[in-house]
């Protein structure tokens, strides 16, 4: 069984993210922090180039464009498609530090593709 935020899960996340469609201008470095996970606080960072996740590493990245903070429950809801990233942000359940315009507007085209829904389905599965 694959658990959220395990090494195997992160590999699946990177692989699925690499198959997202190319979108010019959808470039960012993002650090995520999830509190309350079964294994404790989890931090990882990713590099997005032209709409594709090209790199995923553990830990916080000091030079990230954006830092995202979620509770474990909110991360699960987002990954399982039970809420949208926009709604989560607007309702204060996603905390964004840094370039929030990049998060909300510039990366929206990436999150609105059919492939994004497929990506979420792949990383939401825990078995």
Protein backbone atom coordinates (compact mmCIF):
# COMPACT_ATOMS: atom_id res chain seq x y z
CA UNK A 1 0.00 0.00 0.00
CA UNK A 2 1.33 3.43 -0.96
CA UNK A 3 0.84 6.08 1.70
CA UNK A 4 0.59 9.78 1.01
CA UNK A 5 3.99 11.47 1.04
CA UNK A 6 6.02 8.24 1.07
CA UNK A 7 9.03 7.87 -1.25
CA UNK A 8 6.92 5.72 -3.59
CA UNK A 9 4.14 8.34 -3.59
CA UNK A 10 6.59 11.12 -4.47
CA UNK A 11 7.97 9.06 -7.35
CA UNK A 12 4.43 8.54 -8.66
CA UNK A 13 3.75 12.27 -8.22
CA UNK A 14 6.84 13.23 -10.24
CA UNK A 15 6.14 10.68 -12.96
CA UNK A 16 2.49 11.69 -13.33
CA UNK A 17 3.44 15.38 -13.29
CA UNK A 18 5.95 14.86 -16.08
CA UNK A 19 3.09 13.79 -18.37
CA UNK A 20 1.13 17.02 -17.97
CA UNK A 21 0.70 18.95 -21.23
CA UNK A 22 3.17 21.60 -22.25
CA UNK A 23 1.87 25.10 -21.46
CA UNK A 24 4.07 28.02 -22.38
CA UNK A 25 4.73 30.35 -19.46
CA UNK A 26 3.55 27.94 -16.76
CA UNK A 27 6.88 27.97 -14.90
CA UNK A 28 7.38 27.99 -11.13
CA UNK A 29 9.27 26.61 -8.18
CA UNK A 30 6.95 25.71 -5.32
CA UNK A 31 7.57 24.55 -1.77
CA UNK A 32 4.74 22.67 -0.03
CA UNK A 33 4.27 22.07 3.67
CA UNK A 34 1.59 19.72 4.97
CA UNK A 35 0.91 19.66 8.69
CA UNK A 36 -0.73 16.82 10.57
CA UNK A 37 0.22 14.02 8.18
CA UNK A 38 0.47 10.54 9.74
CA UNK A 39 4.26 10.81 9.54
CA UNK A 40 4.26 14.37 10.90
CA UNK A 41 4.98 17.58 9.01
CA UNK A 42 5.91 16.94 5.37
CA UNK A 43 7.80 19.36 3.12
CA UNK A 44 8.65 19.02 -0.53
CA UNK A 45 9.37 21.24 -3.48
CA UNK A 46 8.77 20.97 -7.16
CA UNK A 47 9.91 22.65 -10.32
CA UNK A 48 7.34 23.28 -13.03
CA UNK A 49 8.60 24.03 -16.51
CA UNK A 50 6.13 24.81 -19.30
CA UNK A 51 3.29 23.20 -17.33
CA UNK A 52 5.12 19.96 -16.49
CA UNK A 53 6.52 18.91 -13.14
CA UNK A 54 10.15 18.30 -13.96
CA UNK A 55 11.62 17.88 -10.49
CA UNK A 56 10.40 16.88 -7.03
CA UNK A 57 12.66 16.97 -3.97
CA UNK A 58 12.08 16.64 -0.25
CA UNK A 59 12.46 19.65 1.98
CA UNK A 60 11.91 23.36 1.78
CA UNK A 61 13.42 25.43 -1.01
CA UNK A 62 14.55 28.92 0.06
CA UNK A 63 14.42 30.37 -3.45
CA UNK A 64 10.92 29.08 -4.31
CA UNK A 65 8.54 31.42 -6.12
CA UNK A 66 5.66 30.19 -3.98
CA UNK A 67 5.29 28.49 -0.59
CA UNK A 68 2.04 26.57 -0.05
CA UNK A 69 0.80 25.38 3.35
CA UNK A 70 -2.02 22.87 3.87
CA UNK A 71 -3.35 20.68 6.62
CA UNK A 72 -3.23 16.98 5.85
CA UNK A 73 -7.02 16.89 5.52
CA UNK A 74 -7.01 19.76 3.02
CA UNK A 75 -4.20 18.17 1.00
CA UNK A 76 -6.26 14.98 0.77
CA UNK A 77 -9.39 16.90 -0.33
CA UNK A 78 -7.40 18.69 -3.03
CA UNK A 79 -5.66 15.57 -4.31
CA UNK A 80 -8.93 13.63 -4.35
CA UNK A 81 -10.66 16.43 -6.30
CA UNK A 82 -13.16 17.10 -3.52
CA UNK A 83 -12.38 20.82 -3.66
CA UNK A 84 -10.62 23.07 -6.13
CA UNK A 85 -7.32 24.80 -5.59
CA UNK A 86 -9.02 28.16 -6.22
CA UNK A 87 -11.78 27.51 -3.67
CA UNK A 88 -9.28 26.28 -1.11
CA UNK A 89 -7.25 29.47 -1.51
CA UNK A 90 -10.25 31.82 -1.51
CA UNK A 91 -11.65 30.16 1.63
CA UNK A 92 -8.31 30.40 3.45
CA UNK A 93 -7.56 26.68 3.57
CA UNK A 94 -4.54 27.07 1.26
CA UNK A 95 -1.97 29.51 2.58
CA UNK A 96 0.17 31.08 -0.13
CA UNK A 97 3.39 33.01 0.45
CA UNK A 98 5.30 34.60 -2.37
CA UNK A 99 3.93 35.15 -5.85
CA UNK A 100 0.24 34.40 -5.27
CA UNK A 101 -0.64 35.79 -8.73
CA UNK A 102 1.55 33.07 -10.22
CA UNK A 103 -0.28 30.45 -8.12
CA UNK A 104 -3.83 31.70 -8.71
CA UNK A 105 -3.66 33.01 -12.27
CA UNK A 106 -0.56 31.93 -14.16
CA UNK A 107 -0.73 28.24 -13.18
CA UNK A 108 -4.52 28.04 -13.62
CA UNK A 109 -4.18 26.91 -17.26
CA UNK A 110 -2.22 23.91 -16.01
CA UNK A 111 -4.84 23.02 -13.39
CA UNK A 112 -7.71 23.33 -15.87
CA UNK A 113 -6.53 20.61 -18.27
CA UNK A 114 -8.03 17.15 -18.47
CA UNK A 115 -4.54 15.83 -17.83
CA UNK A 116 -4.50 17.67 -14.48
CA UNK A 117 -7.57 15.68 -13.41
CA UNK A 118 -5.75 12.50 -14.47
CA UNK A 119 -2.67 13.62 -12.52
CA UNK A 120 -4.76 14.15 -9.38
CA UNK A 121 -6.43 10.75 -9.76
CA UNK A 122 -3.03 9.06 -10.06
CA UNK A 123 -1.54 10.74 -7.00
CA UNK A 124 -4.72 10.49 -4.91
CA UNK A 125 -4.73 6.70 -5.12
CA UNK A 126 -3.08 5.22 -2.05
CA UNK A 127 -3.30 1.52 -2.87
